[in-house]
Amino acid sequence: MPDRHDDVDDWLSQRIEPLAPPPGTFELIKRRARRRKFRKLAITASAAAAVVAAAVTVPQVVSLPVLSPNPTSSAAAGQSAATPTASRGTPSAEASAAAPIRPLVPGNFRPTSVTFIGTRTGWVIGQALSPGHCATQFCTSVARTNDAGGTWAGVPAPLTGGPDGATGVSKIRFLTREDGWAFGPQLFVTHTGGKTWTPVDTHGQRVTQLETVGDRVFAVFASCSGPGTAYATGCGNFTLYSSPASTEDWAPVGAATSGLNSRAGNEAASLVLTGSRGYLLGPDGTLYAGPVDGSAAWQRVGSLVSPCAVGPAQADGQPTGALLGAVNARDLIVACASGSSGANPGVSSQQKLIFSSPNGGVSWIQMAKAPAAGVAYWLAAGPSGTVVLGTDRGIDVLPAGEIAWQASHLAGSAPAGGFGYVGMTTGTQGVALPADPSSGTVWFTFDGGRSWQPSPLNGS
């Protein structure tokens, strides 16, 4: 009988040709491998984006280092105190590319001051959220816009509260995207675009006014006794200080503007800067002026016209009687407001005489009467010559080259209490803040003050 194993061995020893796979099999395998790789990368990128989004959308209620209740007590004049690093700042380029979500503006934002550099970039400061729900024991907050109020984003704020006698801050000014100051009554500075803030020692004095121009910052320091939010009332011994914007080298601008006092003991000093020359209206109605580049001391140039008195200070230090503005280095405007009446409930009126000076305050000429309706809070003059007046009723405007005042058109209802601040950044663009900050809005004009529209900080 033949051995069956020989047949098997012969078959196993022969070369086996494998069957060819169906056409397209290898291409299908490659495509599936690529899909698995892309899915893995997508999952990884999504996880990274979620982490970044969480990092840049954290609102004000996050953990921050806490300063002492009065941070200025440990800061020497002209020096920087230990600066805490805020936990929220501008997202990095990589983070912005991965998750273009802006940091949220804290809820219940109540803006008390606004500042702009150029026409698109601006900041507001105020109180937000409520005690016990803020990042620290302080609820001071700052928001920024890069599109003229189209959108707002939360940015770090000084670690101090709102104005309360000698402590806190309520106003803000920026000179560049990096250099800014928060004040009223304390003084804080940033050279990091607001990422960090440092308290500046004012030796017990309160900062009632602060403005910036060129490469310098100017501020009015005063000895005040006003309590609570009326921090800039009951002031005396006003002195105008200045410092290079890049350092904290504060010094008086001259003997003439040092130690100024009011006649009645309750008036204020106000400060206006132009591109080359600045003006200080003393509490007694004397006007001082000087260069803004720090090259010389400021000197007395004149005084207000006799019908115009400075008047008692408002809570934030702005005079109630004489509101000063500047069109340019030589052309000044002052609104002399006197008296008010409320014969009818909810109706107020006030005589408002408008004077101009073509020679830097040496002499004055009456140019117009502003509408009697409303009590005047703030006056601003644009570089084109437009004059706007914020009142407890709304905003009045005297367009450049015209002789008749007109009430500005407001989109929607006027805020309760009118407008406590108005300012013109260009001949056509300006900003305004309601006297009552609880509305949470900043108002904008883009047609020289003829019409205004609100920009909600919380986007609602």
Protein backbone atom coordinates (compact mmCIF):
# COMPACT_ATOMS: atom_id res chain seq x y z
CA MET A 1 0.00 0.00 0.00
CA PRO A 2 1.44 3.37 -0.96
CA ASP A 3 2.38 5.70 1.97
CA ARG A 4 -0.21 8.56 2.12
CA HIS A 5 2.29 10.75 3.93
CA ASP A 6 4.44 10.89 0.78
CA ASP A 7 1.63 12.66 -1.12
CA VAL A 8 1.17 15.16 1.69
CA ASP A 9 4.89 15.82 1.94
CA ASP A 10 5.08 16.31 -1.82
CA TRP A 11 2.17 18.81 -1.67
CA LEU A 12 3.63 20.76 1.27
CA SER A 13 7.02 20.97 -0.42
CA GLN A 14 5.54 22.70 -3.45
CA ARG A 15 5.43 26.55 -3.76
CA ILE A 16 2.02 27.98 -2.88
CA GLU A 17 0.81 31.05 -4.83
CA PRO A 18 -1.55 33.16 -2.63
CA LEU A 19 -4.75 34.42 -4.14
CA ALA A 20 -4.67 38.13 -5.11
CA PRO A 21 -6.99 40.43 -3.06
CA PRO A 22 -9.90 42.14 -4.76
CA PRO A 23 -8.97 45.30 -6.68
CA GLY A 24 -8.68 48.49 -4.50
CA THR A 25 -8.11 46.62 -1.21
CA PHE A 26 -4.78 48.32 -0.40
CA GLU A 27 -6.14 51.81 -1.17
CA LEU A 28 -9.10 51.15 1.14
CA ILE A 29 -6.78 50.10 3.99
CA LYS A 30 -4.69 53.29 3.56
CA ARG A 31 -7.78 55.51 3.59
CA ARG A 32 -9.09 53.91 6.77
CA ALA A 33 -5.70 54.35 8.47
CA ARG A 34 -5.65 58.03 7.54
CA ARG A 35 -9.19 58.51 8.92
CA ARG A 36 -8.19 56.93 12.26
CA LYS A 37 -5.17 59.28 12.47
CA PHE A 38 -7.26 62.38 11.72
CA ARG A 39 -9.90 61.38 14.29
CA LYS A 40 -7.20 61.01 16.91
CA LEU A 41 -5.78 64.46 16.08
CA ALA A 42 -9.24 66.06 16.12
CA ILE A 43 -10.00 64.62 19.56
CA THR A 44 -6.67 65.96 20.87
CA ALA A 45 -7.26 69.44 19.36
CA SER A 46 -10.80 69.60 20.72
CA ALA A 47 -9.59 68.79 24.21
CA ALA A 48 -6.89 71.48 23.97
CA ALA A 49 -9.38 74.04 22.68
CA ALA A 50 -11.74 73.29 25.56
CA VAL A 51 -8.93 73.85 28.07
CA VAL A 52 -7.95 77.15 26.43
CA ALA A 53 -11.57 78.31 26.26
CA ALA A 54 -11.97 77.61 29.95
CA ALA A 55 -8.81 79.61 30.65
CA VAL A 56 -9.83 82.73 28.73
CA THR A 57 -13.53 82.88 29.62
CA VAL A 58 -13.20 82.82 33.39
CA PRO A 59 -15.13 85.86 34.69
CA GLN A 60 -14.14 88.15 37.60
CA VAL A 61 -15.01 85.51 40.19
CA VAL A 62 -11.64 83.71 40.12
CA SER A 63 -8.93 83.46 42.74
CA LEU A 64 -6.56 86.40 42.76
CA PRO A 65 -3.76 87.36 45.16
CA VAL A 66 -5.07 89.79 47.78
CA LEU A 67 -3.38 93.00 48.87
CA SER A 68 -3.90 94.60 52.25
CA PRO A 69 -7.13 96.64 52.53
CA ASN A 70 -5.06 99.81 52.00
CA PRO A 71 -2.36 98.83 49.46
CA THR A 72 -0.88 102.36 49.29
CA SER A 73 0.29 102.19 52.89
CA SER A 74 3.36 100.18 51.91
CA ALA A 75 4.28 101.97 48.68
CA ALA A 76 6.89 104.69 48.76
CA ALA A 77 6.59 107.80 46.63
CA GLY A 78 8.20 107.26 43.25
CA GLN A 79 8.62 103.55 43.88
CA SER A 80 6.61 100.48 43.02
CA ALA A 81 5.09 98.35 45.72
CA ALA A 82 5.07 94.58 45.37
CA THR A 83 2.85 93.99 42.38
CA PRO A 84 0.43 91.06 42.40
CA THR A 85 -0.04 89.22 39.15
CA ALA A 86 -3.67 89.21 38.11
CA SER A 87 -5.07 85.89 37.00
CA ARG A 88 -6.84 87.27 33.95
CA GLY A 89 -5.16 89.07 31.08
CA THR A 90 -5.10 89.33 27.33
CA PRO A 91 -5.04 85.81 25.81
CA SER A 92 -1.86 84.77 24.04
CA ALA A 93 -1.74 84.59 20.25
CA GLU A 94 -1.83 80.81 20.44
CA ALA A 95 -4.87 80.84 22.73
CA SER A 96 -6.68 83.35 20.56
CA ALA A 97 -6.08 81.21 17.48
CA ALA A 98 -7.33 78.06 19.20
CA ALA A 99 -10.36 79.59 20.96
CA PRO A 100 -11.25 83.16 19.92
CA ILE A 101 -13.44 83.78 22.98
CA ARG A 102 -13.07 87.06 24.87
CA PRO A 103 -12.95 87.12 28.70
CA LEU A 104 -16.40 87.82 30.04
CA VAL A 105 -17.36 91.18 31.48
CA PRO A 106 -18.42 90.68 35.12
CA GLY A 107 -22.14 90.90 35.76
CA ASN A 108 -23.85 93.99 37.14
CA PHE A 109 -21.07 96.26 35.86
CA ARG A 110 -21.52 99.90 36.93
CA PRO A 111 -19.05 102.06 34.96
CA THR A 112 -17.91 105.27 36.64
CA SER A 113 -15.19 106.39 34.21
CA VAL A 114 -14.16 105.85 30.60
CA THR A 115 -10.96 106.53 28.65
CA PHE A 116 -9.98 106.13 24.99
CA ILE A 117 -6.76 106.11 22.97
CA GLY A 118 -7.58 106.76 19.35
CA THR A 119 -11.08 105.98 18.16
CA ARG A 120 -11.43 102.25 18.78
CA THR A 121 -9.58 101.22 21.95
CA GLY A 122 -10.99 102.21 25.31
CA TRP A 123 -11.43 101.12 28.92
CA VAL A 124 -14.05 101.59 31.63
CA ILE A 125 -13.74 101.12 35.38
CA GLY A 126 -16.39 100.63 38.01
CA GLN A 127 -17.92 98.21 40.45
CA ALA A 128 -19.35 94.85 39.35
CA LEU A 129 -21.04 91.76 40.75
CA SER A 130 -21.72 92.12 44.49
CA PRO A 131 -19.74 91.75 47.72
CA GLY A 132 -19.06 88.13 48.52
CA HIS A 133 -19.17 87.12 44.86
CA CYS A 134 -16.05 88.90 43.57
CA ALA A 135 -12.52 87.66 42.95
CA THR A 136 -11.27 89.25 46.19
CA GLN A 137 -12.87 91.33 48.92
CA PHE A 138 -12.86 94.09 46.27
CA CYS A 139 -15.39 94.30 43.42
CA THR A 140 -13.57 96.89 41.31
CA SER A 141 -13.62 95.81 37.65
CA VAL A 142 -12.25 97.00 34.31
CA ALA A 143 -13.49 96.26 30.80
CA ARG A 144 -11.90 97.02 27.44
CA THR A 145 -13.14 97.49 23.88
CA ASN A 146 -11.11 97.33 20.67
CA ASP A 147 -13.97 98.19 18.34
CA ALA A 148 -15.42 101.47 19.67
CA GLY A 149 -17.93 99.83 21.97
CA GLY A 150 -19.05 97.09 19.62
CA THR A 151 -17.90 94.45 22.11
CA TRP A 152 -16.37 94.53 25.60
CA ALA A 153 -14.02 92.14 27.42
CA GLY A 154 -13.10 91.91 31.08
CA VAL A 155 -9.49 92.73 32.02
CA PRO A 156 -7.70 92.82 35.40
CA ALA A 157 -8.47 95.64 37.82
CA PRO A 158 -6.56 97.28 40.69
CA LEU A 159 -6.91 95.43 43.97
CA THR A 160 -8.85 98.07 45.85
CA GLY A 161 -12.49 98.94 46.31
CA GLY A 162 -14.69 101.75 45.07
CA PRO A 163 -14.19 105.25 46.47
CA ASP A 164 -14.72 105.39 50.21
CA GLY A 165 -13.26 108.54 51.70
CA ALA A 166 -9.49 108.21 51.34
CA THR A 167 -9.46 104.73 49.77
CA GLY A 168 -10.53 103.13 46.51
CA VAL A 169 -10.59 104.18 42.86
CA SER A 170 -13.36 105.37 40.55
CA LYS A 171 -11.69 106.80 37.42
CA ILE A 172 -9.33 105.55 34.73
CA ARG A 173 -7.05 107.05 32.08
CA PHE A 174 -4.77 105.34 29.53
CA LEU A 175 -2.06 107.08 27.49
CA THR A 176 -0.95 104.06 25.45
CA ARG A 177 -2.00 100.43 25.27
CA GLU A 178 0.52 99.74 28.05
CA ASP A 179 0.49 102.82 30.33
CA GLY A 180 -2.60 103.57 32.38
CA TRP A 181 -3.74 104.98 35.73
CA ALA A 182 -6.68 104.31 38.03
CA PHE A 183 -7.42 107.04 40.56
CA GLY A 184 -9.95 108.87 42.70
CA PRO A 185 -9.00 108.98 45.50
CA GLN A 186 -6.08 106.48 45.52
CA LEU A 187 -3.61 106.18 42.64
CA PHE A 188 -2.65 102.98 40.82
CA VAL A 189 -0.49 102.58 37.72
CA THR A 190 0.01 99.89 35.08
CA HIS A 191 2.76 99.58 32.50
CA THR A 192 1.57 96.17 31.32
CA GLY A 193 -1.68 97.14 29.64
CA GLY A 194 -3.62 96.46 32.83
CA LYS A 195 -2.33 92.94 33.43
CA THR A 196 -0.81 94.17 36.70
CA TRP A 197 -1.50 97.30 38.77
CA THR A 198 0.78 98.93 41.34
CA PRO A 199 -0.33 101.35 44.08
CA VAL A 200 1.46 104.72 44.25
CA ASP A 201 1.94 106.47 47.59
CA THR A 202 0.39 109.95 47.54
CA HIS A 203 1.40 110.70 51.15
CA GLY A 204 -2.17 110.89 52.38
CA GLN A 205 -3.43 113.17 49.62
CA ARG A 206 -6.32 112.28 47.33
CA VAL A 207 -6.07 112.37 43.54
CA THR A 208 -9.09 114.32 42.30
CA GLN A 209 -8.10 114.91 38.65
CA LEU A 210 -5.73 113.09 36.26
CA GLU A 211 -5.10 113.50 32.53
CA THR A 212 -2.45 112.30 30.08
CA VAL A 213 -0.82 113.72 26.96
CA GLY A 214 2.35 113.19 24.94
CA ASP A 215 4.64 111.15 27.17
CA ARG A 216 3.53 112.58 30.53
CA VAL A 217 0.77 112.28 33.09
CA PHE A 218 -0.62 115.16 35.19
CA ALA A 219 -2.68 114.88 38.38
CA VAL A 220 -4.21 117.14 41.01
CA PHE A 221 -3.37 116.05 44.56
CA ALA A 222 -5.44 117.56 47.39
CA SER A 223 -6.10 117.27 51.11
CA CYS A 224 -9.78 116.33 51.41
CA SER A 225 -12.24 115.32 54.09
CA GLY A 226 -15.20 114.16 52.01
CA PRO A 227 -16.63 110.79 53.14
CA GLY A 228 -17.75 107.81 51.09
CA THR A 229 -18.18 108.38 47.37
CA ALA A 230 -17.89 112.17 47.90
CA TYR A 231 -14.15 111.68 48.21
CA ALA A 232 -13.30 114.92 46.34
CA THR A 233 -15.33 117.31 48.48
CA GLY A 234 -14.11 119.36 51.42
CA CYS A 235 -10.71 119.71 49.73
CA GLY A 236 -7.94 122.26 50.10
CA ASN A 237 -4.21 122.63 49.47
CA PHE A 238 -4.45 121.61 45.79
CA THR A 239 -1.15 120.92 44.01
CA LEU A 240 -0.61 119.97 40.37
CA TYR A 241 1.88 117.12 39.96
CA SER A 242 3.36 115.52 36.85
CA SER A 243 5.45 112.48 36.01
CA PRO A 244 6.93 110.88 32.90
CA ALA A 245 4.48 108.24 31.76
CA SER A 246 7.04 105.45 31.92
CA THR A 247 8.10 106.07 35.54
CA GLU A 248 6.64 107.12 38.88
CA ASP A 249 8.71 110.27 39.29
CA TRP A 250 5.96 112.58 40.54
CA ALA A 251 6.84 116.23 41.25
CA PRO A 252 4.96 119.58 41.39
CA VAL A 253 4.91 121.42 38.05
CA GLY A 254 5.80 124.71 39.75
CA ALA A 255 5.34 126.96 42.75
CA ALA A 256 2.39 128.82 41.19
CA THR A 257 0.24 125.68 41.10
CA SER A 258 1.20 124.38 44.55
CA GLY A 259 -0.83 124.75 47.75
CA LEU A 260 -3.90 126.32 46.12
CA ASN A 261 -6.97 126.96 48.28
CA SER A 262 -10.54 128.01 47.60
CA ARG A 263 -12.29 131.08 48.86
CA ALA A 264 -15.24 129.35 50.49
CA GLY A 265 -13.42 126.13 51.36
CA ASN A 266 -15.54 123.79 49.23
CA GLU A 267 -14.63 124.58 45.59
CA ALA A 268 -12.65 122.29 43.30
CA ALA A 269 -9.75 122.50 40.86
CA SER A 270 -10.10 121.21 37.31
CA LEU A 271 -7.53 120.16 34.72
CA VAL A 272 -7.61 120.29 30.90
CA LEU A 273 -4.78 119.24 28.57
CA THR A 274 -4.21 119.88 24.87
CA GLY A 275 -1.48 118.56 22.61
CA SER A 276 1.07 121.19 23.65
CA ARG A 277 -0.38 123.19 26.54
CA GLY A 278 -2.29 122.44 29.71
CA TYR A 279 -4.66 124.47 31.89
CA LEU A 280 -5.50 124.29 35.59
CA LEU A 281 -8.54 126.15 36.89
CA GLY A 282 -7.83 126.85 40.55
CA PRO A 283 -10.55 126.65 43.20
CA ASP A 284 -10.61 130.45 43.48
CA GLY A 285 -11.17 131.00 39.74
CA THR A 286 -7.54 131.69 38.83
CA LEU A 287 -6.34 130.09 35.61
CA TYR A 288 -2.85 128.60 35.27
CA ALA A 289 -1.14 127.24 32.17
CA GLY A 290 2.09 125.67 31.03
CA PRO A 291 3.75 123.29 28.58
CA VAL A 292 2.85 119.61 28.77
CA ASP A 293 6.32 118.33 27.94
CA GLY A 294 7.74 119.17 31.38
CA SER A 295 10.10 121.80 29.99
CA ALA A 296 8.94 124.67 32.25
CA ALA A 297 6.88 125.47 35.32
CA TRP A 298 3.24 126.45 34.96
CA GLN A 299 2.28 130.09 35.59
CA ARG A 300 -0.81 132.19 36.21
CA VAL A 301 -2.37 133.45 32.96
CA GLY A 302 -5.61 135.08 34.10
CA SER A 303 -8.89 134.42 35.84
CA LEU A 304 -12.49 133.66 34.99
CA VAL A 305 -14.89 136.41 34.01
CA SER A 306 -16.64 138.04 36.96
CA PRO A 307 -20.09 136.38 36.49
CA CYS A 308 -18.45 132.96 36.58
CA ALA A 309 -17.71 131.28 39.90
CA VAL A 310 -16.08 127.88 40.29
CA GLY A 311 -18.79 126.67 42.66
CA PRO A 312 -18.81 123.79 45.14
CA ALA A 313 -17.26 120.52 44.10
CA GLN A 314 -19.31 117.62 42.84
CA ALA A 315 -18.72 114.29 44.56
CA ASP A 316 -15.99 113.38 42.05
CA GLY A 317 -14.25 116.76 42.25
CA GLN A 318 -15.63 118.41 39.11
CA PRO A 319 -16.76 122.02 39.81
CA THR A 320 -20.47 122.75 39.71
CA GLY A 321 -20.23 126.37 38.55
CA ALA A 322 -17.41 126.68 36.02
CA LEU A 323 -16.91 123.84 33.53
CA LEU A 324 -13.70 124.28 31.53
CA GLY A 325 -12.88 122.83 28.11
CA ALA A 326 -10.25 123.39 25.43
CA VAL A 327 -10.60 123.31 21.65
CA ASN A 328 -6.83 123.62 21.20
CA ALA A 329 -3.81 125.17 22.92
CA ARG A 330 -5.19 128.72 22.62
CA ASP A 331 -8.99 128.43 22.32
CA LEU A 332 -10.76 127.75 25.60
CA ILE A 333 -14.43 127.31 26.47
CA VAL A 334 -16.08 127.69 29.87
CA ALA A 335 -19.70 127.07 30.84
CA CYS A 336 -20.73 129.27 33.76
CA ALA A 337 -23.71 127.60 35.41
CA SER A 338 -25.58 129.24 38.25
CA GLY A 339 -28.81 128.60 40.10
CA SER A 340 -31.27 125.79 39.63
CA SER A 341 -34.95 125.42 40.15
CA GLY A 342 -37.36 122.58 40.42
CA ALA A 343 -40.74 124.29 40.53
CA ASN A 344 -42.25 121.28 38.83
CA PRO A 345 -41.45 117.78 40.13
CA GLY A 346 -38.74 116.17 38.06
CA VAL A 347 -37.99 119.38 36.13
CA SER A 348 -34.74 121.26 36.63
CA SER A 349 -33.32 124.36 34.96
CA GLN A 350 -30.19 126.45 35.21
CA GLN A 351 -28.70 129.52 33.60
CA LYS A 352 -25.66 128.47 31.53
CA LEU A 353 -23.57 131.23 29.98
CA ILE A 354 -20.88 130.05 27.53
CA PHE A 355 -17.67 132.07 27.26
CA SER A 356 -14.72 131.55 24.92
CA SER A 357 -11.13 132.74 25.08
CA PRO A 358 -9.02 133.00 21.91
CA ASN A 359 -5.84 133.81 23.83
CA GLY A 360 -5.44 131.03 26.37
CA GLY A 361 -7.54 132.52 29.14
CA VAL A 362 -6.18 136.06 29.14
CA SER A 363 -9.61 137.47 28.18
CA TRP A 364 -13.10 136.06 27.68
CA ILE A 365 -15.99 136.71 25.30
CA GLN A 366 -19.57 135.59 25.84
CA MET A 367 -20.50 133.47 22.84
CA ALA A 368 -23.86 131.88 23.65
CA LYS A 369 -26.34 130.69 26.20
CA ALA A 370 -26.83 126.99 26.57
CA PRO A 371 -30.40 125.66 26.97
CA ALA A 372 -31.78 126.39 30.44
CA ALA A 373 -33.30 122.94 30.87
CA GLY A 374 -31.23 120.65 33.05
CA VAL A 375 -28.38 121.09 35.53
CA ALA A 376 -24.93 120.97 33.91
CA TYR A 377 -22.50 118.24 35.00
CA TRP A 378 -19.72 118.24 32.39
CA LEU A 379 -18.53 120.21 29.35
CA ALA A 380 -16.27 119.05 26.53
CA ALA A 381 -14.95 120.78 23.43
CA GLY A 382 -13.89 118.79 20.38
CA PRO A 383 -10.89 119.65 18.20
CA SER A 384 -13.24 120.87 15.47
CA GLY A 385 -14.86 123.40 17.80
CA THR A 386 -17.98 121.38 18.68
CA VAL A 387 -19.11 121.88 22.30
CA VAL A 388 -21.15 119.26 24.17
CA LEU A 389 -22.73 119.66 27.58
CA GLY A 390 -23.87 116.78 29.77
CA THR A 391 -26.82 117.58 32.05
CA ASP A 392 -29.25 115.79 34.32
CA ARG A 393 -31.72 115.84 31.40
CA GLY A 394 -29.52 114.62 28.54
CA ILE A 395 -26.85 116.06 26.23
CA ASP A 396 -26.86 119.45 24.48
CA VAL A 397 -24.58 120.21 21.54
CA LEU A 398 -23.34 123.35 19.84
CA PRO A 399 -21.96 122.07 16.51
CA ALA A 400 -18.79 123.66 15.16
CA GLY A 401 -19.53 126.80 13.15
CA GLU A 402 -23.13 127.07 14.32
CA ILE A 403 -24.74 129.51 16.76
CA ALA A 404 -27.80 127.55 17.87
CA TRP A 405 -27.70 124.82 20.51
CA GLN A 406 -29.70 121.69 19.99
CA ALA A 407 -30.69 118.73 22.13
CA SER A 408 -28.82 115.62 21.05
CA HIS A 409 -30.92 112.73 19.78
CA LEU A 410 -30.65 109.73 22.11
CA ALA A 411 -31.32 106.21 20.89
CA GLY A 412 -33.95 105.05 23.32
CA SER A 413 -34.78 106.71 26.61
CA ALA A 414 -32.35 109.03 28.37
CA PRO A 415 -30.77 107.37 31.40
CA ALA A 416 -32.19 108.36 34.76
CA GLY A 417 -30.30 111.37 36.09
CA GLY A 418 -28.85 112.29 32.70
CA PHE A 419 -25.13 112.21 31.90
CA GLY A 420 -22.35 112.84 34.39
CA TYR A 421 -19.54 112.79 31.81
CA VAL A 422 -19.13 113.67 28.13
CA GLY A 423 -15.95 113.78 26.06
CA MET A 424 -14.98 114.16 22.41
CA THR A 425 -12.14 111.98 21.11
CA THR A 426 -12.24 113.51 17.61
CA GLY A 427 -14.31 116.13 15.84
CA THR A 428 -17.04 113.55 15.21
CA GLN A 429 -16.59 110.79 17.80
CA GLY A 430 -17.23 111.03 21.53
CA VAL A 431 -18.23 109.07 24.62
CA ALA A 432 -20.56 109.73 27.55
CA LEU A 433 -21.44 108.05 30.83
CA PRO A 434 -24.78 108.16 32.61
CA ALA A 435 -24.74 110.01 35.94
CA ASP A 436 -26.26 106.87 37.44
CA PRO A 437 -23.91 104.01 36.51
CA SER A 438 -26.46 101.29 37.28
CA SER A 439 -27.55 101.15 33.62
CA GLY A 440 -24.22 99.48 32.75
CA THR A 441 -23.82 101.41 29.49
CA VAL A 442 -21.35 103.66 27.70
CA TRP A 443 -22.85 106.04 25.12
CA PHE A 444 -21.20 106.87 21.78
CA THR A 445 -21.59 109.57 19.15
CA PHE A 446 -20.15 109.31 15.65
CA ASP A 447 -21.65 112.47 14.18
CA GLY A 448 -20.19 115.23 16.32
CA GLY A 449 -22.60 114.90 19.24
CA ARG A 450 -25.85 115.25 17.28
CA SER A 451 -26.94 111.71 18.17
CA TRP A 452 -25.87 109.17 20.78
CA GLN A 453 -26.40 105.43 21.21
CA PRO A 454 -25.73 103.14 24.19
CA SER A 455 -23.24 100.29 24.28
CA PRO A 456 -24.15 97.72 27.00
CA LEU A 457 -21.08 96.35 28.75
CA ASN A 458 -22.67 92.94 29.15
CA GLY A 459 -23.87 92.81 25.55
CA SER A 460 -27.54 92.77 26.44
